[in-house]
Amino acid sequence: MIITKVGILLMLVGCLISILFWIPQVVNRKRLKEIIGPRYPLIYFFYITNGPVLFLVGYYLFQYNG
C-alpha cells in the first residue's frame, strides 16, 4: 500500500520536473550557460536523473504492489 503511494508520488514529481525543465520561462538556459560555462552539459545529467529516471523508479514501485 505505502509502496504504491510512494510510486505515485515519485511519478508525479518526475513528470513535474520534466515539464518544468522544458518550459523556457522556468529554466533560462542562456543564463545557465553563462553562469556554468563549460560544465553546462551537467544540466542535462541532473535533468535525466531527476526527471525521467525518477518517473521510471516511481512507475516500477507503482507496479510492484508488494
C-alpha atoms as a PDB file:
ATOM      1  CA  MET A   1       0.000   0.000   0.000  1.00  0.00           C
ATOM      2  CA  ILE A   2       2.671   2.526   1.006  1.00  0.00           C
ATOM      3  CA  ILE A   3       4.945   1.417  -1.837  1.00  0.00           C
ATOM      4  CA  THR A   4       2.175   2.205  -4.297  1.00  0.00           C
ATOM      5  CA  LYS A   5       1.670   5.680  -2.824  1.00  0.00           C
ATOM      6  CA  VAL A   6       5.405   6.400  -2.904  1.00  0.00           C
ATOM      7  CA  GLY A   7       5.494   5.213  -6.518  1.00  0.00           C
ATOM      8  CA  ILE A   8       2.670   7.567  -7.472  1.00  0.00           C
ATOM      9  CA  LEU A   9       4.403  10.451  -5.695  1.00  0.00           C
ATOM     10  CA  LEU A  10       7.714   9.770  -7.473  1.00  0.00           C
ATOM     11  CA  MET A  11       5.960   9.540 -10.845  1.00  0.00           C
ATOM     12  CA  LEU A  12       4.244  12.895 -10.265  1.00  0.00           C
ATOM     13  CA  VAL A  13       7.476  14.588  -9.174  1.00  0.00           C
ATOM     14  CA  GLY A  14       9.336  13.129 -12.165  1.00  0.00           C
ATOM     15  CA  CYS A  15       6.658  14.408 -14.555  1.00  0.00           C
ATOM     16  CA  LEU A  16       6.661  17.831 -12.915  1.00  0.00           C
ATOM     17  CA  ILE A  17      10.443  18.147 -13.196  1.00  0.00           C
ATOM     18  CA  SER A  18      10.328  17.063 -16.850  1.00  0.00           C
ATOM     19  CA  ILE A  19       7.600  19.542 -17.725  1.00  0.00           C
ATOM     20  CA  LEU A  20       9.219  22.435 -15.867  1.00  0.00           C
ATOM     21  CA  PHE A  21      12.599  21.783 -17.482  1.00  0.00           C
ATOM     22  CA  TRP A  22      11.236  22.188 -20.999  1.00  0.00           C
ATOM     23  CA  ILE A  23       9.220  25.375 -20.353  1.00  0.00           C
ATOM     24  CA  PRO A  24      11.537  28.227 -21.456  1.00  0.00           C
ATOM     25  CA  GLN A  25      10.255  30.738 -18.897  1.00  0.00           C
ATOM     26  CA  VAL A  26      11.108  28.444 -15.965  1.00  0.00           C
ATOM     27  CA  VAL A  27      14.634  27.392 -16.923  1.00  0.00           C
ATOM     28  CA  ASN A  28      16.617  30.127 -18.667  1.00  0.00           C
ATOM     29  CA  ARG A  29      19.211  28.025 -20.491  1.00  0.00           C
ATOM     30  CA  LYS A  30      21.120  31.023 -21.878  1.00  0.00           C
ATOM     31  CA  ARG A  31      21.639  32.388 -18.368  1.00  0.00           C
ATOM     32  CA  LEU A  32      22.647  28.966 -17.057  1.00  0.00           C
ATOM     33  CA  LYS A  33      25.180  28.623 -19.873  1.00  0.00           C
ATOM     34  CA  GLU A  34      26.704  31.987 -18.891  1.00  0.00           C
ATOM     35  CA  ILE A  35      26.918  31.021 -15.222  1.00  0.00           C
ATOM     36  CA  ILE A  36      28.118  27.433 -15.568  1.00  0.00           C
ATOM     37  CA  GLY A  37      30.288  27.775 -18.669  1.00  0.00           C
ATOM     38  CA  PRO A  38      31.965  24.595 -19.898  1.00  0.00           C
ATOM     39  CA  ARG A  39      30.177  22.444 -17.312  1.00  0.00           C
ATOM     40  CA  TYR A  40      26.809  23.208 -18.933  1.00  0.00           C
ATOM     41  CA  PRO A  41      26.199  19.590 -20.119  1.00  0.00           C
ATOM     42  CA  LEU A  42      25.874  18.624 -16.440  1.00  0.00           C
ATOM     43  CA  ILE A  43      22.458  20.307 -16.502  1.00  0.00           C
ATOM     44  CA  TYR A  44      21.201  17.531 -18.759  1.00  0.00           C
ATOM     45  CA  PHE A  45      22.664  14.875 -16.452  1.00  0.00           C
ATOM     46  CA  PHE A  46      20.777  16.342 -13.493  1.00  0.00           C
ATOM     47  CA  TYR A  47      17.621  16.650 -15.586  1.00  0.00           C
ATOM     48  CA  ILE A  48      17.751  12.998 -16.668  1.00  0.00           C
ATOM     49  CA  THR A  49      18.411  11.718 -13.151  1.00  0.00           C
ATOM     50  CA  ASN A  50      15.676  13.850 -11.608  1.00  0.00           C
ATOM     51  CA  GLY A  51      13.041  13.720 -14.339  1.00  0.00           C
ATOM     52  CA  PRO A  52      12.647  10.572 -16.415  1.00  0.00           C
ATOM     53  CA  VAL A  53      14.612   8.266 -14.096  1.00  0.00           C
ATOM     54  CA  LEU A  54      12.566   9.392 -11.099  1.00  0.00           C
ATOM     55  CA  PHE A  55       9.414   8.701 -13.109  1.00  0.00           C
ATOM     56  CA  LEU A  56      10.645   5.209 -14.033  1.00  0.00           C
ATOM     57  CA  VAL A  57      11.510   4.362 -10.426  1.00  0.00           C
ATOM     58  CA  GLY A  58       8.055   5.550  -9.363  1.00  0.00           C
ATOM     59  CA  TYR A  59       6.427   3.506 -12.114  1.00  0.00           C
ATOM     60  CA  TYR A  60       8.350   0.412 -11.002  1.00  0.00           C
ATOM     61  CA  LEU A  61       7.242   0.916  -7.398  1.00  0.00           C
ATOM     62  CA  PHE A  62       3.664   1.519  -8.510  1.00  0.00           C
ATOM     63  CA  GLN A  63       3.649  -1.757 -10.458  1.00  0.00           C
ATOM     64  CA  TYR A  64       5.383  -3.676  -7.663  1.00  0.00           C
ATOM     65  CA  ASN A  65       2.290  -3.913  -5.377  1.00  0.00           C
ATOM     66  CA  GLY A  66       4.065  -5.893  -2.668  1.00  0.00           C
END
